[in-house]
Amino acid sequence: PRMEPFHRRYMASGRTLRAWAQMVRGLDVEIVAPQHGAFFR
């Protein structure tokens, strides 16, 4: 719930998010570190 309002208003479209996720799934990611707020490990 701390992420959803921001993303609904600031991100452009679900299509863009799906294209991004497909690209990122090709990487070996251990940590996602945003510029605002908490990170995922």
PDB file of all heavy atoms in Angstrom:
ATOM      1  N   PRO A   1       0.798  -1.234   0.000  1.00  0.00           N
ATOM      2  CA  PRO A   1       0.000   0.000   0.000  1.00  0.00           C
ATOM      3  C   PRO A   1       0.826   1.277   0.000  1.00  0.00           C
ATOM      4  O   PRO A   1       0.315   2.348  -0.352  1.00  0.00           O
ATOM      5  CB  PRO A   1      -0.821  -0.115   1.289  1.00  0.00           C
ATOM      6  CG  PRO A   1      -0.862  -1.576   1.587  1.00  0.00           C
ATOM      7  CD  PRO A   1       0.460  -2.107   1.136  1.00  0.00           C
ATOM      8  N   ARG A   2       2.093   1.179   0.402  1.00  0.00           N
ATOM      9  CA  ARG A   2       2.956   2.361   0.393  1.00  0.00           C
ATOM     10  C   ARG A   2       3.484   2.667  -1.013  1.00  0.00           C
ATOM     11  O   ARG A   2       4.034   3.742  -1.244  1.00  0.00           O
ATOM     12  CB  ARG A   2       4.121   2.180   1.363  1.00  0.00           C
ATOM     13  CG  ARG A   2       3.674   1.990   2.817  1.00  0.00           C
ATOM     14  CD  ARG A   2       4.847   2.051   3.764  1.00  0.00           C
ATOM     15  NE  ARG A   2       4.435   1.850   5.147  1.00  0.00           N
ATOM     16  CZ  ARG A   2       3.949   2.803   5.943  1.00  0.00           C
ATOM     17  NH1 ARG A   2       3.819   4.039   5.466  1.00  0.00           N
ATOM     18  NH2 ARG A   2       3.600   2.540   7.177  1.00  0.00           N
ATOM     19  N   MET A   3       3.333   1.720  -1.932  1.00  0.00           N
ATOM     20  CA  MET A   3       3.814   1.910  -3.308  1.00  0.00           C
ATOM     21  C   MET A   3       2.699   2.258  -4.288  1.00  0.00           C
ATOM     22  O   MET A   3       2.910   3.010  -5.241  1.00  0.00           O
ATOM     23  CB  MET A   3       4.510   0.635  -3.809  1.00  0.00           C
ATOM     24  CG  MET A   3       5.751   0.231  -3.045  1.00  0.00           C
ATOM     25  SD  MET A   3       6.624  -1.125  -3.882  1.00  0.00           S
ATOM     26  CE  MET A   3       5.464  -2.485  -3.654  1.00  0.00           C
ATOM     27  N   GLU A   4       1.529   1.686  -4.094  1.00  0.00           N
ATOM     28  CA  GLU A   4       0.519   1.703  -5.145  1.00  0.00           C
ATOM     29  C   GLU A   4       0.033   3.100  -5.549  1.00  0.00           C
ATOM     30  O   GLU A   4      -0.045   3.400  -6.751  1.00  0.00           O
ATOM     31  CB  GLU A   4      -0.647   0.799  -4.751  1.00  0.00           C
ATOM     32  CG  GLU A   4      -0.261  -0.669  -4.871  1.00  0.00           C
ATOM     33  CD  GLU A   4      -1.390  -1.617  -4.507  1.00  0.00           C
ATOM     34  OE1 GLU A   4      -2.385  -1.155  -3.905  1.00  0.00           O
ATOM     35  OE2 GLU A   4      -1.259  -2.805  -4.830  1.00  0.00           O
ATOM     36  N   PRO A   5      -0.301   4.014  -4.614  1.00  0.00           N
ATOM     37  CA  PRO A   5      -0.770   5.335  -5.050  1.00  0.00           C
ATOM     38  C   PRO A   5       0.252   6.073  -5.917  1.00  0.00           C
ATOM     39  O   PRO A   5      -0.112   6.674  -6.933  1.00  0.00           O
ATOM     40  CB  PRO A   5      -1.043   6.070  -3.736  1.00  0.00           C
ATOM     41  CG  PRO A   5      -1.277   4.986  -2.739  1.00  0.00           C
ATOM     42  CD  PRO A   5      -0.367   3.868  -3.143  1.00  0.00           C
ATOM     43  N   PHE A   6       1.499   6.022  -5.523  1.00  0.00           N
ATOM     44  CA  PHE A   6       2.553   6.690  -6.297  1.00  0.00           C
ATOM     45  C   PHE A   6       2.631   6.113  -7.708  1.00  0.00           C
ATOM     46  O   PHE A   6       2.677   6.857  -8.698  1.00  0.00           O
ATOM     47  CB  PHE A   6       3.903   6.538  -5.594  1.00  0.00           C
ATOM     48  CG  PHE A   6       5.053   7.117  -6.374  1.00  0.00           C
ATOM     49  CD1 PHE A   6       5.432   8.436  -6.195  1.00  0.00           C
ATOM     50  CD2 PHE A   6       5.753   6.348  -7.306  1.00  0.00           C
ATOM     51  CE1 PHE A   6       6.484   8.985  -6.926  1.00  0.00           C
ATOM     52  CE2 PHE A   6       6.801   6.882  -8.040  1.00  0.00           C
ATOM     53  CZ  PHE A   6       7.166   8.207  -7.848  1.00  0.00           C
ATOM     54  N   HIS A   7       2.657   4.799  -7.823  1.00  0.00           N
ATOM     55  CA  HIS A   7       2.814   4.182  -9.136  1.00  0.00           C
ATOM     56  C   HIS A   7       1.602   4.436 -10.033  1.00  0.00           C
ATOM     57  O   HIS A   7       1.764   4.659 -11.240  1.00  0.00           O
ATOM     58  CB  HIS A   7       3.086   2.686  -8.985  1.00  0.00           C
ATOM     59  CG  HIS A   7       4.475   2.392  -8.508  1.00  0.00           C
ATOM     60  ND1 HIS A   7       4.868   2.583  -7.196  1.00  0.00           N
ATOM     61  CD2 HIS A   7       5.565   1.940  -9.173  1.00  0.00           C
ATOM     62  CE1 HIS A   7       6.142   2.268  -7.079  1.00  0.00           C
ATOM     63  NE2 HIS A   7       6.588   1.878  -8.258  1.00  0.00           N
ATOM     64  N   ARG A   8       0.408   4.406  -9.477  1.00  0.00           N
ATOM     65  CA  ARG A   8      -0.784   4.640 -10.301  1.00  0.00           C
ATOM     66  C   ARG A   8      -0.757   6.023 -10.936  1.00  0.00           C
ATOM     67  O   ARG A   8      -1.209   6.205 -12.069  1.00  0.00           O
ATOM     68  CB  ARG A   8      -2.044   4.464  -9.457  1.00  0.00           C
ATOM     69  CG  ARG A   8      -2.352   3.010  -9.129  1.00  0.00           C
ATOM     70  CD  ARG A   8      -3.827   2.830  -8.772  1.00  0.00           C
ATOM     71  NE  ARG A   8      -4.099   1.436  -8.471  1.00  0.00           N
ATOM     72  CZ  ARG A   8      -4.192   0.926  -7.251  1.00  0.00           C
ATOM     73  NH1 ARG A   8      -4.025   1.713  -6.212  1.00  0.00           N
ATOM     74  NH2 ARG A   8      -4.448  -0.356  -7.061  1.00  0.00           N
ATOM     75  N   ARG A   9      -0.211   6.988 -10.223  1.00  0.00           N
ATOM     76  CA  ARG A   9      -0.229   8.363 -10.738  1.00  0.00           C
ATOM     77  C   ARG A   9       1.022   8.721 -11.533  1.00  0.00           C
ATOM     78  O   ARG A   9       0.952   9.498 -12.497  1.00  0.00           O
ATOM     79  CB  ARG A   9      -0.394   9.355  -9.575  1.00  0.00           C
ATOM     80  CG  ARG A   9      -0.590  10.793 -10.049  1.00  0.00           C
ATOM     81  CD  ARG A   9      -1.845  10.919 -10.924  1.00  0.00           C
ATOM     82  NE  ARG A   9      -1.993  12.264 -11.472  1.00  0.00           N
ATOM     83  CZ  ARG A   9      -1.444  12.681 -12.594  1.00  0.00           C
ATOM     84  NH1 ARG A   9      -0.658  11.865 -13.304  1.00  0.00           N
ATOM     85  NH2 ARG A   9      -1.640  13.912 -13.034  1.00  0.00           N
ATOM     86  N   TYR A  10       2.181   8.192 -11.161  1.00  0.00           N
ATOM     87  CA  TYR A  10       3.426   8.634 -11.774  1.00  0.00           C
ATOM     88  C   TYR A  10       3.900   7.753 -12.931  1.00  0.00           C
ATOM     89  O   TYR A  10       4.633   8.221 -13.808  1.00  0.00           O
ATOM     90  CB  TYR A  10       4.546   8.728 -10.729  1.00  0.00           C
ATOM     91  CG  TYR A  10       4.487   9.981  -9.903  1.00  0.00           C
ATOM     92  CD1 TYR A  10       3.702  10.043  -8.762  1.00  0.00           C
ATOM     93  CD2 TYR A  10       5.213  11.109 -10.262  1.00  0.00           C
ATOM     94  CE1 TYR A  10       3.638  11.196  -8.000  1.00  0.00           C
ATOM     95  CE2 TYR A  10       5.154  12.270  -9.507  1.00  0.00           C
ATOM     96  CZ  TYR A  10       4.366  12.311  -8.376  1.00  0.00           C
ATOM     97  OH  TYR A  10       4.297  13.461  -7.626  1.00  0.00           O
ATOM     98  N   MET A  11       3.561   6.480 -12.949  1.00  0.00           N
ATOM     99  CA  MET A  11       3.986   5.616 -14.044  1.00  0.00           C
ATOM    100  C   MET A  11       3.028   5.764 -15.222  1.00  0.00           C
ATOM    101  O   MET A  11       1.830   5.970 -15.035  1.00  0.00           O
ATOM    102  CB  MET A  11       4.058   4.158 -13.587  1.00  0.00           C
ATOM    103  CG  MET A  11       5.041   3.935 -12.437  1.00  0.00           C
ATOM    104  SD  MET A  11       6.747   4.365 -12.890  1.00  0.00           S
ATOM    105  CE  MET A  11       7.336   5.118 -11.360  1.00  0.00           C
ATOM    106  N   ALA A  12       3.543   5.625 -16.435  1.00  0.00           N
ATOM    107  CA  ALA A  12       2.762   6.002 -17.613  1.00  0.00           C
ATOM    108  C   ALA A  12       1.706   4.984 -18.006  1.00  0.00           C
ATOM    109  O   ALA A  12       0.578   5.351 -18.330  1.00  0.00           O
ATOM    110  CB  ALA A  12       3.690   6.239 -18.800  1.00  0.00           C
ATOM    111  N   SER A  13       2.058   3.692 -18.006  1.00  0.00           N
ATOM    112  CA  SER A  13       1.104   2.691 -18.488  1.00  0.00           C
ATOM    113  C   SER A  13       1.521   1.293 -18.070  1.00  0.00           C
ATOM    114  O   SER A  13       2.710   1.018 -17.861  1.00  0.00           O
ATOM    115  CB  SER A  13       0.988   2.738 -20.015  1.00  0.00           C
ATOM    116  OG  SER A  13       2.148   2.208 -20.625  1.00  0.00           O
ATOM    117  N   GLY A  14       0.518   0.411 -17.971  1.00  0.00           N
ATOM    118  CA  GLY A  14       0.810  -0.988 -17.673  1.00  0.00           C
ATOM    119  C   GLY A  14       1.613  -1.651 -18.773  1.00  0.00           C
ATOM    120  O   GLY A  14       2.433  -2.533 -18.516  1.00  0.00           O
ATOM    121  N   ARG A  15       1.394  -1.244 -20.015  1.00  0.00           N
ATOM    122  CA  ARG A  15       2.150  -1.820 -21.133  1.00  0.00           C
ATOM    123  C   ARG A  15       3.650  -1.581 -20.953  1.00  0.00           C
ATOM    124  O   ARG A  15       4.469  -2.467 -21.192  1.00  0.00           O
ATOM    125  CB  ARG A  15       1.663  -1.208 -22.451  1.00  0.00           C
ATOM    126  CG  ARG A  15       2.402  -1.727 -23.676  1.00  0.00           C
ATOM    127  CD  ARG A  15       1.863  -1.110 -24.947  1.00  0.00           C
ATOM    128  NE  ARG A  15       2.618  -1.556 -26.100  1.00  0.00           N
ATOM    129  CZ  ARG A  15       2.391  -1.151 -27.351  1.00  0.00           C
ATOM    130  NH1 ARG A  15       1.401  -0.290 -27.594  1.00  0.00           N
ATOM    131  NH2 ARG A  15       3.132  -1.594 -28.351  1.00  0.00           N
ATOM    132  N   THR A  16       3.993  -0.382 -20.534  1.00  0.00           N
ATOM    133  CA  THR A  16       5.400  -0.060 -20.299  1.00  0.00           C
ATOM    134  C   THR A  16       5.965  -0.912 -19.165  1.00  0.00           C
ATOM    135  O   THR A  16       7.090  -1.422 -19.262  1.00  0.00           O
ATOM    136  CB  THR A  16       5.554   1.426 -19.954  1.00  0.00           C
ATOM    137  OG1 THR A  16       4.919   2.205 -20.960  1.00  0.00           O
ATOM    138  CG2 THR A  16       7.017   1.814 -19.861  1.00  0.00           C
ATOM    139  N   LEU A  17       5.207  -1.083 -18.097  1.00  0.00           N
ATOM    140  CA  LEU A  17       5.665  -1.907 -16.977  1.00  0.00           C
ATOM    141  C   LEU A  17       5.870  -3.357 -17.397  1.00  0.00           C
ATOM    142  O   LEU A  17       6.838  -4.006 -16.969  1.00  0.00           O
ATOM    143  CB  LEU A  17       4.658  -1.835 -15.824  1.00  0.00           C
ATOM    144  CG  LEU A  17       4.753  -0.597 -14.941  1.00  0.00           C
ATOM    145  CD1 LEU A  17       3.518  -0.472 -14.068  1.00  0.00           C
ATOM    146  CD2 LEU A  17       6.015  -0.631 -14.092  1.00  0.00           C
ATOM    147  N   ARG A  18       4.985  -3.883 -18.236  1.00  0.00           N
ATOM    148  CA  ARG A  18       5.135  -5.272 -18.685  1.00  0.00           C
ATOM    149  C   ARG A  18       6.376  -5.441 -19.554  1.00  0.00           C
ATOM    150  O   ARG A  18       7.097  -6.445 -19.435  1.00  0.00           O
ATOM    151  CB  ARG A  18       3.873  -5.719 -19.419  1.00  0.00           C
ATOM    152  CG  ARG A  18       2.664  -5.879 -18.490  1.00  0.00           C
ATOM    153  CD  ARG A  18       1.491  -6.527 -19.188  1.00  0.00           C
ATOM    154  NE  ARG A  18       0.911  -5.675 -20.214  1.00  0.00           N
ATOM    155  CZ  ARG A  18      -0.007  -4.733 -19.991  1.00  0.00           C
ATOM    156  NH1 ARG A  18      -0.438  -4.502 -18.754  1.00  0.00           N
ATOM    157  NH2 ARG A  18      -0.498  -4.020 -20.986  1.00  0.00           N
ATOM    158  N   ALA A  19       6.638  -4.471 -20.423  1.00  0.00           N
ATOM    159  CA  ALA A  19       7.846  -4.529 -21.252  1.00  0.00           C
ATOM    160  C   ALA A  19       9.095  -4.471 -20.382  1.00  0.00           C
ATOM    161  O   ALA A  19      10.077  -5.197 -20.610  1.00  0.00           O
ATOM    162  CB  ALA A  19       7.837  -3.392 -22.269  1.00  0.00           C
ATOM    163  N   TRP A  20       9.062  -3.604 -19.374  1.00  0.00           N
ATOM    164  CA  TRP A  20      10.205  -3.493 -18.452  1.00  0.00           C
ATOM    165  C   TRP A  20      10.421  -4.798 -17.695  1.00  0.00           C
ATOM    166  O   TRP A  20      11.550  -5.286 -17.596  1.00  0.00           O
ATOM    167  CB  TRP A  20       9.948  -2.348 -17.473  1.00  0.00           C
ATOM    168  CG  TRP A  20      10.949  -2.281 -16.362  1.00  0.00           C
ATOM    169  CD1 TRP A  20      12.175  -1.686 -16.410  1.00  0.00           C
ATOM    170  CD2 TRP A  20      10.823  -2.877 -15.067  1.00  0.00           C
ATOM    171  NE1 TRP A  20      12.815  -1.865 -15.207  1.00  0.00           N
ATOM    172  CE2 TRP A  20      12.021  -2.586 -14.370  1.00  0.00           C
ATOM    173  CE3 TRP A  20       9.831  -3.608 -14.430  1.00  0.00           C
ATOM    174  CZ2 TRP A  20      12.242  -3.016 -13.059  1.00  0.00           C
ATOM    175  CZ3 TRP A  20      10.048  -4.034 -13.132  1.00  0.00           C
ATOM    176  CH2 TRP A  20      11.236  -3.741 -12.456  1.00  0.00           C
ATOM    177  N   ALA A  21       9.353  -5.388 -17.150  1.00  0.00           N
ATOM    178  CA  ALA A  21       9.486  -6.620 -16.369  1.00  0.00           C
ATOM    179  C   ALA A  21      10.034  -7.750 -17.220  1.00  0.00           C
ATOM    180  O   ALA A  21      10.876  -8.540 -16.758  1.00  0.00           O
ATOM    181  CB  ALA A  21       8.130  -7.006 -15.769  1.00  0.00           C
ATOM    182  N   GLN A  22       9.598  -7.845 -18.476  1.00  0.00           N
ATOM    183  CA  GLN A  22      10.102  -8.884 -19.358  1.00  0.00           C
ATOM    184  C   GLN A  22      11.608  -8.727 -19.573  1.00  0.00           C
ATOM    185  O   GLN A  22      12.359  -9.715 -19.583  1.00  0.00           O
ATOM    186  CB  GLN A  22       9.372  -8.834 -20.706  1.00  0.00           C
ATOM    187  CG  GLN A  22       9.786  -9.933 -21.672  1.00  0.00           C
ATOM    188  CD  GLN A  22       9.002  -9.887 -22.969  1.00  0.00           C
ATOM    189  OE1 GLN A  22       8.204  -8.981 -23.179  1.00  0.00           O
ATOM    190  NE2 GLN A  22       9.216 -10.862 -23.823  1.00  0.00           N
ATOM    191  N   MET A  23      12.061  -7.493 -19.737  1.00  0.00           N
ATOM    192  CA  MET A  23      13.493  -7.235 -19.901  1.00  0.00           C
ATOM    193  C   MET A  23      14.267  -7.627 -18.643  1.00  0.00           C
ATOM    194  O   MET A  23      15.292  -8.320 -18.706  1.00  0.00           O
ATOM    195  CB  MET A  23      13.720  -5.755 -20.220  1.00  0.00           C
ATOM    196  CG  MET A  23      15.177  -5.322 -20.264  1.00  0.00           C
ATOM    197  SD  MET A  23      15.380  -3.522 -20.481  1.00  0.00           S
ATOM    198  CE  MET A  23      14.760  -2.908 -18.899  1.00  0.00           C
ATOM    199  N   VAL A  24      13.764  -7.211 -17.484  1.00  0.00           N
ATOM    200  CA  VAL A  24      14.488  -7.413 -16.225  1.00  0.00           C
ATOM    201  C   VAL A  24      14.545  -8.895 -15.834  1.00  0.00           C
ATOM    202  O   VAL A  24      15.504  -9.330 -15.191  1.00  0.00           O
ATOM    203  CB  VAL A  24      13.853  -6.556 -15.115  1.00  0.00           C
ATOM    204  CG1 VAL A  24      14.354  -6.947 -13.739  1.00  0.00           C
ATOM    205  CG2 VAL A  24      14.133  -5.081 -15.375  1.00  0.00           C
ATOM    206  N   ARG A  25      13.559  -9.670 -16.239  1.00  0.00           N
ATOM    207  CA  ARG A  25      13.583 -11.099 -15.917  1.00  0.00           C
ATOM    208  C   ARG A  25      14.759 -11.823 -16.564  1.00  0.00           C
ATOM    209  O   ARG A  25      15.092 -12.950 -16.183  1.00  0.00           O
ATOM    210  CB  ARG A  25      12.258 -11.755 -16.311  1.00  0.00           C
ATOM    211  CG  ARG A  25      11.091 -11.339 -15.411  1.00  0.00           C
ATOM    212  CD  ARG A  25       9.830 -12.123 -15.723  1.00  0.00           C
ATOM    213  NE  ARG A  25       8.658 -11.565 -15.070  1.00  0.00           N
ATOM    214  CZ  ARG A  25       8.358 -11.748 -13.786  1.00  0.00           C
ATOM    215  NH1 ARG A  25       9.142 -12.487 -13.018  1.00  0.00           N
ATOM    216  NH2 ARG A  25       7.254 -11.202 -13.270  1.00  0.00           N
ATOM    217  N   GLY A  26      15.410 -11.183 -17.514  1.00  0.00           N
ATOM    218  CA  GLY A  26      16.610 -11.751 -18.115  1.00  0.00           C
ATOM    219  C   GLY A  26      17.871 -11.492 -17.310  1.00  0.00           C
ATOM    220  O   GLY A  26      18.962 -11.934 -17.701  1.00  0.00           O
ATOM    221  N   LEU A  27      17.746 -10.801 -16.176  1.00  0.00           N
ATOM    222  CA  LEU A  27      18.894 -10.492 -15.314  1.00  0.00           C
ATOM    223  C   LEU A  27      18.845 -11.331 -14.041  1.00  0.00           C
ATOM    224  O   LEU A  27      17.775 -11.761 -13.610  1.00  0.00           O
ATOM    225  CB  LEU A  27      18.881  -9.006 -14.927  1.00  0.00           C
ATOM    226  CG  LEU A  27      18.965  -7.990 -16.058  1.00  0.00           C
ATOM    227  CD1 LEU A  27      18.711  -6.589 -15.510  1.00  0.00           C
ATOM    228  CD2 LEU A  27      20.322  -8.052 -16.747  1.00  0.00           C
ATOM    229  N   ASP A  28      19.984 -11.493 -13.425  1.00  0.00           N
ATOM    230  CA  ASP A  28      20.085 -12.156 -12.120  1.00  0.00           C
ATOM    231  C   ASP A  28      20.101 -11.057 -11.058  1.00  0.00           C
ATOM    232  O   ASP A  28      21.136 -10.446 -10.803  1.00  0.00           O
ATOM    233  CB  ASP A  28      21.359 -12.995 -12.064  1.00  0.00           C
ATOM    234  CG  ASP A  28      21.490 -13.783 -10.765  1.00  0.00           C
ATOM    235  OD1 ASP A  28      20.542 -13.748  -9.952  1.00  0.00           O
ATOM    236  OD2 ASP A  28      22.547 -14.405 -10.556  1.00  0.00           O
ATOM    237  N   VAL A  29      18.949 -10.797 -10.453  1.00  0.00           N
ATOM    238  CA  VAL A  29      18.795  -9.656  -9.533  1.00  0.00           C
ATOM    239  C   VAL A  29      18.638 -10.165  -8.106  1.00  0.00           C
ATOM    240  O   VAL A  29      17.748 -10.967  -7.818  1.00  0.00           O
ATOM    241  CB  VAL A  29      17.589  -8.783  -9.915  1.00  0.00           C
ATOM    242  CG1 VAL A  29      17.445  -7.611  -8.944  1.00  0.00           C
ATOM    243  CG2 VAL A  29      17.717  -8.277 -11.349  1.00  0.00           C
ATOM    244  N   GLU A  30      19.474  -9.676  -7.208  1.00  0.00           N
ATOM    245  CA  GLU A  30      19.395 -10.011  -5.783  1.00  0.00           C
ATOM    246  C   GLU A  30      18.782  -8.885  -4.963  1.00  0.00           C
ATOM    247  O   GLU A  30      18.221  -9.130  -3.905  1.00  0.00           O
ATOM    248  CB  GLU A  30      20.786 -10.337  -5.237  1.00  0.00           C
ATOM    249  CG  GLU A  30      21.358 -11.662  -5.711  1.00  0.00           C
ATOM    250  CD  GLU A  30      20.650 -12.873  -5.087  1.00  0.00           C
ATOM    251  OE1 GLU A  30      19.925 -12.689  -4.092  1.00  0.00           O
ATOM    252  OE2 GLU A  30      20.837 -13.987  -5.601  1.00  0.00           O
ATOM    253  N   ILE A  31      18.944  -7.646  -5.451  1.00  0.00           N
ATOM    254  CA  ILE A  31      18.406  -6.486  -4.735  1.00  0.00           C
ATOM    255  C   ILE A  31      17.804  -5.522  -5.739  1.00  0.00           C
ATOM    256  O   ILE A  31      18.415  -5.234  -6.784  1.00  0.00           O
ATOM    257  CB  ILE A  31      19.502  -5.763  -3.914  1.00  0.00           C
ATOM    258  CG1 ILE A  31      20.004  -6.643  -2.765  1.00  0.00           C
ATOM    259  CG2 ILE A  31      18.987  -4.431  -3.357  1.00  0.00           C
ATOM    260  CD1 ILE A  31      21.139  -6.014  -1.962  1.00  0.00           C
ATOM    261  N   VAL A  32      16.617  -5.022  -5.442  1.00  0.00           N
ATOM    262  CA  VAL A  32      16.021  -3.904  -6.167  1.00  0.00           C
ATOM    263  C   VAL A  32      16.097  -2.692  -5.249  1.00  0.00           C
ATOM    264  O   VAL A  32      15.549  -2.710  -4.138  1.00  0.00           O
ATOM    265  CB  VAL A  32      14.565  -4.195  -6.569  1.00  0.00           C
ATOM    266  CG1 VAL A  32      13.874  -2.923  -7.033  1.00  0.00           C
ATOM    267  CG2 VAL A  32      14.510  -5.252  -7.657  1.00  0.00           C
ATOM    268  N   ALA A  33      16.788  -1.660  -5.706  1.00  0.00           N
ATOM    269  CA  ALA A  33      17.044  -0.484  -4.868  1.00  0.00           C
ATOM    270  C   ALA A  33      16.462   0.766  -5.530  1.00  0.00           C
ATOM    271  O   ALA A  33      17.063   1.327  -6.449  1.00  0.00           O
ATOM    272  CB  ALA A  33      18.551  -0.311  -4.651  1.00  0.00           C
ATOM    273  N   PRO A  34      15.279   1.222  -5.088  1.00  0.00           N
ATOM    274  CA  PRO A  34      14.685   2.443  -5.642  1.00  0.00           C
ATOM    275  C   PRO A  34      15.360   3.708  -5.092  1.00  0.00           C
ATOM    276  O   PRO A  34      16.087   3.668  -4.097  1.00  0.00           O
ATOM    277  CB  PRO A  34      13.224   2.373  -5.178  1.00  0.00           C
ATOM    278  CG  PRO A  34      13.024   0.998  -4.615  1.00  0.00           C
ATOM    279  CD  PRO A  34      14.371   0.553  -4.151  1.00  0.00           C
ATOM    280  N   GLN A  35      15.025   4.829  -5.734  1.00  0.00           N
ATOM    281  CA  GLN A  35      15.563   6.110  -5.266  1.00  0.00           C
ATOM    282  C   GLN A  35      14.769   6.671  -4.089  1.00  0.00           C
ATOM    283  O   GLN A  35      15.270   7.518  -3.351  1.00  0.00           O
ATOM    284  CB  GLN A  35      15.563   7.122  -6.415  1.00  0.00           C
ATOM    285  CG  GLN A  35      16.368   8.385  -6.102  1.00  0.00           C
ATOM    286  CD  GLN A  35      15.675   9.654  -6.521  1.00  0.00           C
ATOM    287  OE1 GLN A  35      14.615   9.624  -7.141  1.00  0.00           O
ATOM    288  NE2 GLN A  35      16.274  10.781  -6.194  1.00  0.00           N
ATOM    289  N   HIS A  36      13.542   6.211  -3.910  1.00  0.00           N
ATOM    290  CA  HIS A  36      12.712   6.669  -2.798  1.00  0.00           C
ATOM    291  C   HIS A  36      12.227   5.457  -2.007  1.00  0.00           C
ATOM    292  O   HIS A  36      11.662   4.527  -2.580  1.00  0.00           O
ATOM    293  CB  HIS A  36      11.486   7.439  -3.294  1.00  0.00           C
ATOM    294  CG  HIS A  36      11.799   8.594  -4.203  1.00  0.00           C
ATOM    295  ND1 HIS A  36      12.262   9.801  -3.740  1.00  0.00           N
ATOM    296  CD2 HIS A  36      11.704   8.711  -5.542  1.00  0.00           C
ATOM    297  CE1 HIS A  36      12.443  10.623  -4.765  1.00  0.00           C
ATOM    298  NE2 HIS A  36      12.106   9.973  -5.863  1.00  0.00           N
ATOM    299  N   GLY A  37      12.424   5.488  -0.697  1.00  0.00           N
ATOM    300  CA  GLY A  37      11.862   4.446   0.146  1.00  0.00           C
ATOM    301  C   GLY A  37      12.729   3.208   0.286  1.00  0.00           C
ATOM    302  O   GLY A  37      13.940   3.239   0.055  1.00  0.00           O
ATOM    303  N   ALA A  38      12.086   2.103   0.668  1.00  0.00           N
ATOM    304  CA  ALA A  38      12.785   0.882   1.069  1.00  0.00           C
ATOM    305  C   ALA A  38      13.190   0.025  -0.123  1.00  0.00           C
ATOM    306  O   ALA A  38      12.561   0.062  -1.186  1.00  0.00           O
ATOM    307  CB  ALA A  38      11.895   0.075   2.015  1.00  0.00           C
ATOM    308  N   PHE A  39      14.236  -0.775   0.069  1.00  0.00           N
ATOM    309  CA  PHE A  39      14.728  -1.663  -0.982  1.00  0.00           C
ATOM    310  C   PHE A  39      14.280  -3.101  -0.729  1.00  0.00           C
ATOM    311  O   PHE A  39      13.884  -3.466   0.380  1.00  0.00           O
ATOM    312  CB  PHE A  39      16.251  -1.581  -1.113  1.00  0.00           C
ATOM    313  CG  PHE A  39      17.026  -2.067   0.092  1.00  0.00           C
ATOM    314  CD1 PHE A  39      17.420  -3.399   0.209  1.00  0.00           C
ATOM    315  CD2 PHE A  39      17.396  -1.186   1.107  1.00  0.00           C
ATOM    316  CE1 PHE A  39      18.138  -3.842   1.304  1.00  0.00           C
ATOM    317  CE2 PHE A  39      18.113  -1.610   2.203  1.00  0.00           C
ATOM    318  CZ  PHE A  39      18.487  -2.951   2.309  1.00  0.00           C
ATOM    319  N   PHE A  40      14.356  -3.921  -1.775  1.00  0.00           N
ATOM    320  CA  PHE A  40      13.959  -5.332  -1.732  1.00  0.00           C
ATOM    321  C   PHE A  40      15.213  -6.193  -1.861  1.00  0.00           C
ATOM    322  O   PHE A  40      15.998  -6.012  -2.780  1.00  0.00           O
ATOM    323  CB  PHE A  40      13.015  -5.673  -2.887  1.00  0.00           C
ATOM    324  CG  PHE A  40      11.773  -4.837  -2.935  1.00  0.00           C
ATOM    325  CD1 PHE A  40      11.778  -3.580  -3.541  1.00  0.00           C
ATOM    326  CD2 PHE A  40      10.583  -5.299  -2.390  1.00  0.00           C
ATOM    327  CE1 PHE A  40      10.629  -2.802  -3.593  1.00  0.00           C
ATOM    328  CE2 PHE A  40       9.424  -4.530  -2.434  1.00  0.00           C
ATOM    329  CZ  PHE A  40       9.456  -3.282  -3.037  1.00  0.00           C
ATOM    330  N   ARG A  41      15.374  -7.145  -0.936  1.00  0.00           N
ATOM    331  CA  ARG A  41      16.544  -8.022  -0.971  1.00  0.00           C
ATOM    332  C   ARG A  41      16.090  -9.486  -1.052  1.00  0.00           C
ATOM    333  O   ARG A  41      15.186  -9.909  -0.318  1.00  0.00           O
ATOM    334  CB  ARG A  41      17.396  -7.836   0.286  1.00  0.00           C
ATOM    335  CG  ARG A  41      18.727  -8.585   0.226  1.00  0.00           C
ATOM    336  CD  ARG A  41      19.352  -8.715   1.619  1.00  0.00           C
ATOM    337  NE  ARG A  41      19.602  -7.440   2.274  1.00  0.00           N
ATOM    338  CZ  ARG A  41      20.748  -6.760   2.187  1.00  0.00           C
ATOM    339  NH1 ARG A  41      21.758  -7.241   1.469  1.00  0.00           N
ATOM    340  NH2 ARG A  41      20.884  -5.609   2.834  1.00  0.00           N
TER     341      ARG A  41
END
